[in-house]
């Protein structure tokens, strides 16, 4: 049955016998530059005496890896647990360049951790500077910058080569809930805020290049396949498609019955995924021409849960566009088929709300990364 299949996959995904645990272990004083390498980083805190790391023994990992079903990825173990943050995590993202070799995470402790996706999954750096919780992250398409937005009203572009701030953007009047990078072209980023605006920023300028006014708070943002189009979701239960050249809304998606906390563009740029507080993921057709009277909402996926905490739960597509996933407050990771809408995986492991789940950018690496309010990141391979 479908249920037995889901339960079987859940067990194989988070089997403790084949899980490696990695804690933040880099040493040094916070704020100092790291050792010379291709990535200049700020060392993290020393591991406490009661923390352990089981990822250092290659022999033990080899034994654990061989104990389970056939492997499908290059992870050191079918499941890797990353810890070190000192609070709830709001965002986790793979670097889209260099075959997803790096992973960034951030949350309530105001720090951005940089991890190696493969090998020993080392925590190789920390970027510090925000004064309040970091609410969202994204990478530039070339992997040169990480963009972060925060409850401190700022948006920061971090230079990965130097480990320093390239630019701190100021202009939002309150919490900045979302940040997203353009897929190609100049370094542009789109942000959404509780000040009822979405703003486009150019890395070459200090001030916002464009401000898109909304009636209600903006909770989620993404560019279209080109930088001329962008999408915003917010407290008004609506996703709006904007033509940036005219600064006009070209169409709206009204099917969501509650606040839209996450939106994500499909790899081919033709579809949009949303996560909303009515406990649904939805897939929309956002191609320019749709027959009159035809709904753009293609699928509604039930399973993910939102709670009284009203957290900003995100959503994402797999690199091949065949699967979708979304954050859920019930501590599970949900993975659906984008084509049929069927639930393929319901994965346990987190001890708090799962706030973001993302797929690895390489289709040949069926890897999920999930970040939760328990301050833990799980990396896991799918069949």
Foldseek 3Di string as FASTA:
>chain_A
DLVVLQVVQQCQWPPVLFEWEEEAAWDDDAPDWDDDDQFIAGHDHHDDPPDDGPLPDLVSNVVSQVVGDDDQFQASTQKYKYFYDPFAWQEKDFQLPPQSQWIWTFWFSQKIWIFGRHRSRHRDHIQHDDPGTWQYWDAEQHRQWIWIFFQSQWIFTAGRRNSHTLAIAHDGPGGWQEKEFANDDFTKMWTWAQSQWIFICGSVDRYTPDIQGGPGGWQEKYAANGNQWIWTWFQVQKIFIARNVVSDTPDIQRPGPGGWLEKEAALVRQWMWTDGQVQWIWIFGPPPDDPPPDHRTDDIAHDAHDDPVPGRKYKYAALVRQKIWIWHFVQWTWIAGPVPNHTNYTHHDDPGTFRYKYARNDNSFQWIWIGGRSRMIMIRHGD
